[in-house]
Amino acid sequence: PIGKEASYCFDAARGGLTCNHCGDGSPDAIPVSLGTIRTLLMGRQM
């Protein structure tokens, strides 16, 4: 689950996040902070 790291990467082809340990360094991956992820989750659920 998210929360252990300050930032993640979003891979559109895979449809989700990868942590810094699992990311493959794809140039298409979008870096995103934990704060932004939590805000989007809040916007999806509120």
All heavy atoms as atom14 arrays in JSON, in Angstrom:
{
  "sequence": "PIGKEASYCFDAARGGLTCNHCGDGSPDAIPVSLGTIRTLLMGRQM",
  "atom14_mask": [
    [1, 1, 1, 1, 1, 1, 1, 0, 0, 0, 0, 0, 0, 0],
    [1, 1, 1, 1, 1, 1, 1, 1, 0, 0, 0, 0, 0, 0],
    [1, 1, 1, 1, 0, 0, 0, 0, 0, 0, 0, 0, 0, 0],
    [1, 1, 1, 1, 1, 1, 1, 1, 1, 0, 0, 0, 0, 0],
    [1, 1, 1, 1, 1, 1, 1, 1, 1, 0, 0, 0, 0, 0],
    [1, 1, 1, 1, 1, 0, 0, 0, 0, 0, 0, 0, 0, 0],
    [1, 1, 1, 1, 1, 1, 0, 0, 0, 0, 0, 0, 0, 0],
    [1, 1, 1, 1, 1, 1, 1, 1, 1, 1, 1, 1, 0, 0],
    [1, 1, 1, 1, 1, 1, 0, 0, 0, 0, 0, 0, 0, 0],
    [1, 1, 1, 1, 1, 1, 1, 1, 1, 1, 1, 0, 0, 0],
    [1, 1, 1, 1, 1, 1, 1, 1, 0, 0, 0, 0, 0, 0],
    [1, 1, 1, 1, 1, 0, 0, 0, 0, 0, 0, 0, 0, 0],
    [1, 1, 1, 1, 1, 0, 0, 0, 0, 0, 0, 0, 0, 0],
    [1, 1, 1, 1, 1, 1, 1, 1, 1, 1, 1, 0, 0, 0],
    [1, 1, 1, 1, 0, 0, 0, 0, 0, 0, 0, 0, 0, 0],
    [1, 1, 1, 1, 0, 0, 0, 0, 0, 0, 0, 0, 0, 0],
    [1, 1, 1, 1, 1, 1, 1, 1, 0, 0, 0, 0, 0, 0],
    [1, 1, 1, 1, 1, 1, 1, 0, 0, 0, 0, 0, 0, 0],
    [1, 1, 1, 1, 1, 1, 0, 0, 0, 0, 0, 0, 0, 0],
    [1, 1, 1, 1, 1, 1, 1, 1, 0, 0, 0, 0, 0, 0],
    [1, 1, 1, 1, 1, 1, 1, 1, 1, 1, 0, 0, 0, 0],
    [1, 1, 1, 1, 1, 1, 0, 0, 0, 0, 0, 0, 0, 0],
    [1, 1, 1, 1, 0, 0, 0, 0, 0, 0, 0, 0, 0, 0],
    [1, 1, 1, 1, 1, 1, 1, 1, 0, 0, 0, 0, 0, 0],
    [1, 1, 1, 1, 0, 0, 0, 0, 0, 0, 0, 0, 0, 0],
    [1, 1, 1, 1, 1, 1, 0, 0, 0, 0, 0, 0, 0, 0],
    [1, 1, 1, 1, 1, 1, 1, 0, 0, 0, 0, 0, 0, 0],
    [1, 1, 1, 1, 1, 1, 1, 1, 0, 0, 0, 0, 0, 0],
    [1, 1, 1, 1, 1, 0, 0, 0, 0, 0, 0, 0, 0, 0],
    [1, 1, 1, 1, 1, 1, 1, 1, 0, 0, 0, 0, 0, 0],
    [1, 1, 1, 1, 1, 1, 1, 0, 0, 0, 0, 0, 0, 0],
    [1, 1, 1, 1, 1, 1, 1, 0, 0, 0, 0, 0, 0, 0],
    [1, 1, 1, 1, 1, 1, 0, 0, 0, 0, 0, 0, 0, 0],
    [1, 1, 1, 1, 1, 1, 1, 1, 0, 0, 0, 0, 0, 0],
    [1, 1, 1, 1, 0, 0, 0, 0, 0, 0, 0, 0, 0, 0],
    [1, 1, 1, 1, 1, 1, 1, 0, 0, 0, 0, 0, 0, 0],
    [1, 1, 1, 1, 1, 1, 1, 1, 0, 0, 0, 0, 0, 0],
    [1, 1, 1, 1, 1, 1, 1, 1, 1, 1, 1, 0, 0, 0],
    [1, 1, 1, 1, 1, 1, 1, 0, 0, 0, 0, 0, 0, 0],
    [1, 1, 1, 1, 1, 1, 1, 1, 0, 0, 0, 0, 0, 0],
    [1, 1, 1, 1, 1, 1, 1, 1, 0, 0, 0, 0, 0, 0],
    [1, 1, 1, 1, 1, 1, 1, 1, 0, 0, 0, 0, 0, 0],
    [1, 1, 1, 1, 0, 0, 0, 0, 0, 0, 0, 0, 0, 0],
    [1, 1, 1, 1, 1, 1, 1, 1, 1, 1, 1, 0, 0, 0],
    [1, 1, 1, 1, 1, 1, 1, 1, 1, 0, 0, 0, 0, 0],
    [1, 1, 1, 1, 1, 1, 1, 1, 0, 0, 0, 0, 0, 0]
  ],
  "atom14_positions": [
    [[0.83, -1.21, 0.0], [0.0, 0.0, 0.0], [0.86, 1.26, 0.0], [1.98, 1.26, 0.5], [-0.8, -0.12, 1.31], [-0.74, -1.56, 1.66], [0.58, -2.06, 1.17], [0.0, 0.0, 0.0], [0.0, 0.0, 0.0], [0.0, 0.0, 0.0], [0.0, 0.0, 0.0], [0.0, 0.0, 0.0], [0.0, 0.0, 0.0], [0.0, 0.0, 0.0]],
    [[0.34, 2.33, -0.57], [1.08, 3.58, -0.57], [1.22, 4.11, 0.85], [0.44, 3.76, 1.73], [0.38, 4.65, -1.45], [-1.0, 4.99, -0.85], [0.26, 4.2, -2.88], [-1.54, 6.31, -1.36], [0.0, 0.0, 0.0], [0.0, 0.0, 0.0], [0.0, 0.0, 0.0], [0.0, 0.0, 0.0], [0.0, 0.0, 0.0], [0.0, 0.0, 0.0]],
    [[2.23, 4.94, 1.05], [2.42, 5.56, 2.36], [3.81, 5.41, 2.91], [4.21, 6.15, 3.81], [0.0, 0.0, 0.0], [0.0, 0.0, 0.0], [0.0, 0.0, 0.0], [0.0, 0.0, 0.0], [0.0, 0.0, 0.0], [0.0, 0.0, 0.0], [0.0, 0.0, 0.0], [0.0, 0.0, 0.0], [0.0, 0.0, 0.0], [0.0, 0.0, 0.0]],
    [[4.58, 4.47, 2.38], [5.93, 4.23, 2.89], [6.96, 5.15, 2.24], [8.05, 5.31, 2.75], [6.33, 2.78, 2.65], [5.42, 1.75, 3.32], [5.46, 1.86, 4.82], [4.61, 0.78, 5.47], [4.6, 0.89, 6.95], [0.0, 0.0, 0.0], [0.0, 0.0, 0.0], [0.0, 0.0, 0.0], [0.0, 0.0, 0.0], [0.0, 0.0, 0.0]],
    [[6.62, 5.73, 1.08], [7.57, 6.56, 0.36], [6.97, 7.93, 0.09], [5.75, 8.11, 0.07], [7.97, 5.89, -0.96], [8.58, 4.5, -0.76], [9.04, 3.88, -2.08], [9.52, 4.64, -2.93], [8.92, 2.67, -2.23], [0.0, 0.0, 0.0], [0.0, 0.0, 0.0], [0.0, 0.0, 0.0], [0.0, 0.0, 0.0], [0.0, 0.0, 0.0]],
    [[7.86, 8.9, -0.17], [7.4, 10.27, -0.4], [6.89, 10.48, -1.82], [6.13, 11.41, -2.08], [8.53, 11.25, -0.1], [0.0, 0.0, 0.0], [0.0, 0.0, 0.0], [0.0, 0.0, 0.0], [0.0, 0.0, 0.0], [0.0, 0.0, 0.0], [0.0, 0.0, 0.0], [0.0, 0.0, 0.0], [0.0, 0.0, 0.0], [0.0, 0.0, 0.0]],
    [[7.33, 9.63, -2.73], [6.91, 9.79, -4.13], [6.84, 8.43, -4.82], [7.46, 7.46, -4.39], [7.86, 10.73, -4.88], [9.16, 10.16, -4.97], [0.0, 0.0, 0.0], [0.0, 0.0, 0.0], [0.0, 0.0, 0.0], [0.0, 0.0, 0.0], [0.0, 0.0, 0.0], [0.0, 0.0, 0.0], [0.0, 0.0, 0.0], [0.0, 0.0, 0.0]],
    [[6.1, 8.41, -5.93], [5.91, 7.2, -6.73], [5.97, 7.6, -8.19], [6.14, 8.77, -8.54], [4.56, 6.55, -6.41], [4.46, 6.0, -5.0], [4.23, 6.85, -3.91], [4.61, 4.65, -4.74], [4.16, 6.37, -2.61], [4.53, 4.15, -3.45], [4.31, 5.01, -2.39], [4.25, 4.51, -1.11], [0.0, 0.0, 0.0], [0.0, 0.0, 0.0]],
    [[5.82, 6.61, -9.07], [5.72, 6.89, -10.49], [4.43, 6.28, -11.02], [4.04, 5.19, -10.61], [6.91, 6.31, -11.26], [8.41, 7.31, -11.11], [0.0, 0.0, 0.0], [0.0, 0.0, 0.0], [0.0, 0.0, 0.0], [0.0, 0.0, 0.0], [0.0, 0.0, 0.0], [0.0, 0.0, 0.0], [0.0, 0.0, 0.0], [0.0, 0.0, 0.0]],
    [[3.78, 7.01, -11.94], [2.56, 6.5, -12.55], [2.86, 6.03, -13.96], [3.38, 6.79, -14.78], [1.47, 7.57, -12.59], [0.17, 7.06, -13.16], [-0.72, 6.36, -12.36], [-0.13, 7.26, -14.5], [-1.91, 5.87, -12.89], [-1.32, 6.77, -15.03], [-2.21, 6.08, -14.23], [0.0, 0.0, 0.0], [0.0, 0.0, 0.0], [0.0, 0.0, 0.0]],
    [[2.53, 4.78, -14.24], [2.77, 4.16, -15.55], [1.43, 4.0, -16.25], [0.61, 3.17, -15.87], [3.45, 2.81, -15.36], [3.92, 2.19, -16.66], [3.32, 2.48, -17.71], [4.91, 1.42, -16.63], [0.0, 0.0, 0.0], [0.0, 0.0, 0.0], [0.0, 0.0, 0.0], [0.0, 0.0, 0.0], [0.0, 0.0, 0.0], [0.0, 0.0, 0.0]],
    [[1.19, 4.81, -17.28], [-0.09, 4.79, -17.97], [-0.35, 3.44, -18.64], [-1.48, 2.95, -18.65], [-0.16, 5.91, -19.01], [0.0, 0.0, 0.0], [0.0, 0.0, 0.0], [0.0, 0.0, 0.0], [0.0, 0.0, 0.0], [0.0, 0.0, 0.0], [0.0, 0.0, 0.0], [0.0, 0.0, 0.0], [0.0, 0.0, 0.0], [0.0, 0.0, 0.0]],
    [[0.69, 2.84, -19.21], [0.51, 1.56, -19.9], [0.06, 0.47, -18.95], [-0.69, -0.44, -19.32], [1.81, 1.16, -20.6], [0.0, 0.0, 0.0], [0.0, 0.0, 0.0], [0.0, 0.0, 0.0], [0.0, 0.0, 0.0], [0.0, 0.0, 0.0], [0.0, 0.0, 0.0], [0.0, 0.0, 0.0], [0.0, 0.0, 0.0], [0.0, 0.0, 0.0]],
    [[0.49, 0.54, -17.69], [0.11, -0.45, -16.7], [-1.1, -0.01, -15.88], [-1.69, -0.79, -15.13], [1.29, -0.75, -15.78], [2.5, -1.32, -16.53], [3.72, -1.45, -15.63], [3.54, -2.48, -14.61], [4.45, -2.78, -13.69], [5.6, -2.1, -13.65], [4.24, -3.74, -12.8], [0.0, 0.0, 0.0], [0.0, 0.0, 0.0], [0.0, 0.0, 0.0]],
    [[-1.45, 1.25, -16.0], [-2.64, 1.75, -15.35], [-2.53, 2.0, -13.87], [-3.53, 1.95, -13.15], [0.0, 0.0, 0.0], [0.0, 0.0, 0.0], [0.0, 0.0, 0.0], [0.0, 0.0, 0.0], [0.0, 0.0, 0.0], [0.0, 0.0, 0.0], [0.0, 0.0, 0.0], [0.0, 0.0, 0.0], [0.0, 0.0, 0.0], [0.0, 0.0, 0.0]],
    [[-1.31, 2.29, -13.38], [-1.2, 2.53, -11.95], [0.2, 2.92, -11.51], [1.07, 3.23, -12.32], [0.0, 0.0, 0.0], [0.0, 0.0, 0.0], [0.0, 0.0, 0.0], [0.0, 0.0, 0.0], [0.0, 0.0, 0.0], [0.0, 0.0, 0.0], [0.0, 0.0, 0.0], [0.0, 0.0, 0.0], [0.0, 0.0, 0.0], [0.0, 0.0, 0.0]],
    [[0.39, 2.87, -10.19], [1.63, 3.32, -9.56], [2.66, 2.21, -9.41], [2.31, 1.04, -9.27], [1.33, 3.86, -8.17], [0.38, 5.06, -8.05], [0.07, 5.32, -6.58], [0.99, 6.3, -8.7], [0.0, 0.0, 0.0], [0.0, 0.0, 0.0], [0.0, 0.0, 0.0], [0.0, 0.0, 0.0], [0.0, 0.0, 0.0], [0.0, 0.0, 0.0]],
    [[3.92, 2.62, -9.41], [5.01, 1.75, -8.96], [5.83, 2.53, -7.95], [5.99, 3.76, -8.07], [5.92, 1.29, -10.12], [6.4, 2.44, -10.82], [5.17, 0.39, -11.07], [0.0, 0.0, 0.0], [0.0, 0.0, 0.0], [0.0, 0.0, 0.0], [0.0, 0.0, 0.0], [0.0, 0.0, 0.0], [0.0, 0.0, 0.0], [0.0, 0.0, 0.0]],
    [[6.32, 1.84, -6.94], [7.17, 2.49, -5.94], [8.58, 2.65, -6.51], [8.9, 2.11, -7.58], [7.18, 1.7, -4.65], [7.96, 0.07, -4.78], [0.0, 0.0, 0.0], [0.0, 0.0, 0.0], [0.0, 0.0, 0.0], [0.0, 0.0, 0.0], [0.0, 0.0, 0.0], [0.0, 0.0, 0.0], [0.0, 0.0, 0.0], [0.0, 0.0, 0.0]],
    [[9.41, 3.36, -5.79], [10.77, 3.62, -6.28], [11.63, 2.36, -6.37], [12.59, 2.3, -7.13], [11.45, 4.66, -5.38], [10.78, 6.03, -5.48], [10.31, 6.4, -6.55], [10.72, 6.74, -4.38], [0.0, 0.0, 0.0], [0.0, 0.0, 0.0], [0.0, 0.0, 0.0], [0.0, 0.0, 0.0], [0.0, 0.0, 0.0], [0.0, 0.0, 0.0]],
    [[11.27, 1.34, -5.61], [12.02, 0.08, -5.64], [11.63, -0.77, -6.86], [12.44, -1.57, -7.35], [11.79, -0.72, -4.36], [12.24, -0.01, -3.13], [13.56, 0.17, -2.8], [11.52, 0.6, -2.14], [13.65, 0.85, -1.67], [12.43, 1.11, -1.24], [0.0, 0.0, 0.0], [0.0, 0.0, 0.0], [0.0, 0.0, 0.0], [0.0, 0.0, 0.0]],
    [[10.4, -0.62, -7.33], [9.89, -1.49, -8.39], [9.83, -0.82, -9.76], [9.6, -1.5, -10.77], [8.49, -1.99, -8.04], [8.41, -2.95, -6.51], [0.0, 0.0, 0.0], [0.0, 0.0, 0.0], [0.0, 0.0, 0.0], [0.0, 0.0, 0.0], [0.0, 0.0, 0.0], [0.0, 0.0, 0.0], [0.0, 0.0, 0.0], [0.0, 0.0, 0.0]],
    [[10.02, 0.48, -9.81], [9.97, 1.18, -11.08], [11.08, 0.73, -12.0], [12.19, 0.44, -11.56], [0.0, 0.0, 0.0], [0.0, 0.0, 0.0], [0.0, 0.0, 0.0], [0.0, 0.0, 0.0], [0.0, 0.0, 0.0], [0.0, 0.0, 0.0], [0.0, 0.0, 0.0], [0.0, 0.0, 0.0], [0.0, 0.0, 0.0], [0.0, 0.0, 0.0]],
    [[10.77, 0.65, -13.3], [11.77, 0.17, -14.26], [12.47, 1.31, -14.98], [13.19, 1.1, -15.97], [11.11, -0.76, -15.28], [9.97, -0.08, -16.04], [9.77, 1.14, -15.86], [9.29, -0.77, -16.83], [0.0, 0.0, 0.0], [0.0, 0.0, 0.0], [0.0, 0.0, 0.0], [0.0, 0.0, 0.0], [0.0, 0.0, 0.0], [0.0, 0.0, 0.0]],
    [[12.23, 2.55, -14.52], [12.91, 3.69, -15.14], [12.34, 4.08, -16.48], [13.01, 4.73, -17.28], [0.0, 0.0, 0.0], [0.0, 0.0, 0.0], [0.0, 0.0, 0.0], [0.0, 0.0, 0.0], [0.0, 0.0, 0.0], [0.0, 0.0, 0.0], [0.0, 0.0, 0.0], [0.0, 0.0, 0.0], [0.0, 0.0, 0.0], [0.0, 0.0, 0.0]],
    [[11.1, 3.71, -16.76], [10.47, 4.05, -18.04], [10.41, 5.56, -18.22], [9.99, 6.28, -17.31], [9.06, 3.46, -18.09], [8.36, 3.97, -19.21], [0.0, 0.0, 0.0], [0.0, 0.0, 0.0], [0.0, 0.0, 0.0], [0.0, 0.0, 0.0], [0.0, 0.0, 0.0], [0.0, 0.0, 0.0], [0.0, 0.0, 0.0], [0.0, 0.0, 0.0]],
    [[10.82, 6.06, -19.4], [10.78, 7.52, -19.64], [9.35, 8.05, -19.69], [9.13, 9.26, -19.59], [11.48, 7.67, -21.0], [11.33, 6.33, -21.66], [11.37, 5.33, -20.55], [0.0, 0.0, 0.0], [0.0, 0.0, 0.0], [0.0, 0.0, 0.0], [0.0, 0.0, 0.0], [0.0, 0.0, 0.0], [0.0, 0.0, 0.0], [0.0, 0.0, 0.0]],
    [[8.38, 7.16, -19.87], [6.98, 7.59, -19.93], [6.32, 7.67, -18.56], [5.19, 8.13, -18.44], [6.17, 6.63, -20.82], [6.6, 6.71, -22.28], [6.99, 7.81, -22.71], [6.53, 5.67, -22.97], [0.0, 0.0, 0.0], [0.0, 0.0, 0.0], [0.0, 0.0, 0.0], [0.0, 0.0, 0.0], [0.0, 0.0, 0.0], [0.0, 0.0, 0.0]],
    [[7.0, 7.18, -17.53], [6.42, 7.2, -16.19], [6.38, 8.63, -15.65], [7.31, 9.4, -15.84], [7.21, 6.3, -15.26], [0.0, 0.0, 0.0], [0.0, 0.0, 0.0], [0.0, 0.0, 0.0], [0.0, 0.0, 0.0], [0.0, 0.0, 0.0], [0.0, 0.0, 0.0], [0.0, 0.0, 0.0], [0.0, 0.0, 0.0], [0.0, 0.0, 0.0]],
    [[5.29, 8.96, -14.98], [5.08, 10.3, -14.44], [5.36, 10.29, -12.94], [4.69, 9.56, -12.19], [3.64, 10.77, -14.68], [3.29, 10.77, -16.17], [3.4, 12.14, -14.06], [4.01, 11.81, -16.98], [0.0, 0.0, 0.0], [0.0, 0.0, 0.0], [0.0, 0.0, 0.0], [0.0, 0.0, 0.0], [0.0, 0.0, 0.0], [0.0, 0.0, 0.0]],
    [[6.34, 11.07, -12.45], [6.57, 11.12, -11.0], [5.42, 11.85, -10.31], [4.91, 12.85, -10.82], [7.88, 11.9, -10.88], [8.0, 12.68, -12.15], [7.31, 11.89, -13.2], [0.0, 0.0, 0.0], [0.0, 0.0, 0.0], [0.0, 0.0, 0.0], [0.0, 0.0, 0.0], [0.0, 0.0, 0.0], [0.0, 0.0, 0.0], [0.0, 0.0, 0.0]],
    [[5.02, 11.34, -9.16], [3.9, 11.94, -8.43], [4.14, 11.79, -6.93], [4.58, 10.73, -6.46], [2.56, 11.29, -8.86], [2.58, 9.8, -8.69], [1.39, 11.9, -8.12], [0.0, 0.0, 0.0], [0.0, 0.0, 0.0], [0.0, 0.0, 0.0], [0.0, 0.0, 0.0], [0.0, 0.0, 0.0], [0.0, 0.0, 0.0], [0.0, 0.0, 0.0]],
    [[3.88, 12.84, -6.18], [4.13, 12.83, -4.74], [3.0, 12.12, -4.0], [1.88, 11.99, -4.49], [4.27, 14.25, -4.21], [3.03, 14.95, -4.33], [0.0, 0.0, 0.0], [0.0, 0.0, 0.0], [0.0, 0.0, 0.0], [0.0, 0.0, 0.0], [0.0, 0.0, 0.0], [0.0, 0.0, 0.0], [0.0, 0.0, 0.0], [0.0, 0.0, 0.0]],
    [[3.32, 11.67, -2.8], [2.33, 10.99, -1.97], [1.14, 11.91, -1.66], [-0.01, 11.47, -1.65], [2.98, 10.52, -0.66], [2.08, 9.8, 0.33], [1.49, 8.53, -0.28], [2.87, 9.45, 1.6], [0.0, 0.0, 0.0], [0.0, 0.0, 0.0], [0.0, 0.0, 0.0], [0.0, 0.0, 0.0], [0.0, 0.0, 0.0], [0.0, 0.0, 0.0]],
    [[1.42, 13.21, -1.44], [0.35, 14.16, -1.15], [-0.65, 14.26, -2.29], [-1.87, 14.3, -2.06], [0.0, 0.0, 0.0], [0.0, 0.0, 0.0], [0.0, 0.0, 0.0], [0.0, 0.0, 0.0], [0.0, 0.0, 0.0], [0.0, 0.0, 0.0], [0.0, 0.0, 0.0], [0.0, 0.0, 0.0], [0.0, 0.0, 0.0], [0.0, 0.0, 0.0]],
    [[-0.16, 14.27, -3.53], [-1.05, 14.34, -4.7], [-1.87, 13.07, -4.82], [-3.08, 13.11, -5.11], [-0.22, 14.56, -5.98], [0.45, 15.82, -5.89], [-1.11, 14.54, -7.21], [0.0, 0.0, 0.0], [0.0, 0.0, 0.0], [0.0, 0.0, 0.0], [0.0, 0.0, 0.0], [0.0, 0.0, 0.0], [0.0, 0.0, 0.0], [0.0, 0.0, 0.0]],
    [[-1.25, 11.92, -4.59], [-1.97, 10.64, -4.66], [-3.1, 10.62, -3.64], [-4.24, 10.25, -3.96], [-1.0, 9.47, -4.41], [0.05, 9.39, -5.51], [-1.79, 8.15, -4.34], [1.22, 8.49, -5.18], [0.0, 0.0, 0.0], [0.0, 0.0, 0.0], [0.0, 0.0, 0.0], [0.0, 0.0, 0.0], [0.0, 0.0, 0.0], [0.0, 0.0, 0.0]],
    [[-2.81, 11.05, -2.43], [-3.84, 11.04, -1.38], [-4.97, 12.02, -1.71], [-6.14, 11.75, -1.43], [-3.21, 11.38, -0.04], [-2.43, 10.19, 0.54], [-1.76, 10.54, 1.84], [-1.26, 9.33, 2.52], [-0.34, 9.32, 3.47], [0.19, 10.46, 3.88], [0.04, 8.18, 4.03], [0.0, 0.0, 0.0], [0.0, 0.0, 0.0], [0.0, 0.0, 0.0]],
    [[-4.63, 13.15, -2.32], [-5.67, 14.11, -2.71], [-6.57, 13.53, -3.79], [-7.79, 13.68, -3.75], [-5.02, 15.42, -3.21], [-4.2, 15.97, -2.18], [-6.1, 16.43, -3.59], [0.0, 0.0, 0.0], [0.0, 0.0, 0.0], [0.0, 0.0, 0.0], [0.0, 0.0, 0.0], [0.0, 0.0, 0.0], [0.0, 0.0, 0.0], [0.0, 0.0, 0.0]],
    [[-5.98, 12.84, -4.77], [-6.78, 12.21, -5.82], [-7.67, 11.1, -5.25], [-8.83, 10.96, -5.66], [-5.87, 11.64, -6.9], [-5.2, 12.66, -7.82], [-4.22, 11.98, -8.77], [-6.25, 13.44, -8.63], [0.0, 0.0, 0.0], [0.0, 0.0, 0.0], [0.0, 0.0, 0.0], [0.0, 0.0, 0.0], [0.0, 0.0, 0.0], [0.0, 0.0, 0.0]],
    [[-7.15, 10.34, -4.32], [-7.96, 9.29, -3.69], [-9.12, 9.92, -2.91], [-10.24, 9.39, -2.93], [-7.09, 8.45, -2.75], [-6.09, 7.5, -3.43], [-5.17, 6.86, -2.4], [-6.83, 6.41, -4.22], [0.0, 0.0, 0.0], [0.0, 0.0, 0.0], [0.0, 0.0, 0.0], [0.0, 0.0, 0.0], [0.0, 0.0, 0.0], [0.0, 0.0, 0.0]],
    [[-8.85, 11.03, -2.26], [-9.91, 11.72, -1.53], [-10.97, 12.23, -2.5], [-12.18, 12.1, -2.27], [-9.31, 12.9, -0.74], [-10.28, 13.54, 0.23], [-9.55, 14.99, 1.07], [-8.08, 14.2, 1.79], [0.0, 0.0, 0.0], [0.0, 0.0, 0.0], [0.0, 0.0, 0.0], [0.0, 0.0, 0.0], [0.0, 0.0, 0.0], [0.0, 0.0, 0.0]],
    [[-10.52, 12.78, -3.63], [-11.45, 13.27, -4.64], [-12.27, 12.17, -5.28], [-13.38, 12.4, -5.75], [0.0, 0.0, 0.0], [0.0, 0.0, 0.0], [0.0, 0.0, 0.0], [0.0, 0.0, 0.0], [0.0, 0.0, 0.0], [0.0, 0.0, 0.0], [0.0, 0.0, 0.0], [0.0, 0.0, 0.0], [0.0, 0.0, 0.0], [0.0, 0.0, 0.0]],
    [[-11.73, 10.98, -5.3], [-12.44, 9.84, -5.87], [-13.47, 9.27, -4.9], [-14.48, 8.72, -5.31], [-11.42, 8.76, -6.25], [-12.02, 7.58, -6.99], [-10.95, 6.72, -7.64], [-10.16, 5.98, -6.68], [-9.11, 5.2, -6.99], [-8.74, 5.1, -8.27], [-8.44, 4.54, -6.07], [0.0, 0.0, 0.0], [0.0, 0.0, 0.0], [0.0, 0.0, 0.0]],
    [[-13.22, 9.42, -3.6], [-14.05, 8.76, -2.59], [-15.02, 9.7, -1.87], [-16.06, 9.26, -1.39], [-13.13, 8.09, -1.55], [-12.25, 7.0, -2.14], [-11.05, 6.68, -1.26], [-10.86, 7.27, -0.2], [-10.21, 5.75, -1.7], [0.0, 0.0, 0.0], [0.0, 0.0, 0.0], [0.0, 0.0, 0.0], [0.0, 0.0, 0.0], [0.0, 0.0, 0.0]],
    [[-14.69, 10.97, -1.8], [-15.5, 11.92, -1.03], [-16.88, 12.1, -1.66], [-17.06, 11.96, -2.88], [-14.78, 13.27, -0.97], [-15.46, 14.32, -0.12], [-14.57, 15.91, -0.14], [-13.15, 15.52, 0.88], [0.0, 0.0, 0.0], [0.0, 0.0, 0.0], [0.0, 0.0, 0.0], [0.0, 0.0, 0.0], [0.0, 0.0, 0.0], [0.0, 0.0, 0.0]]
  ]
}
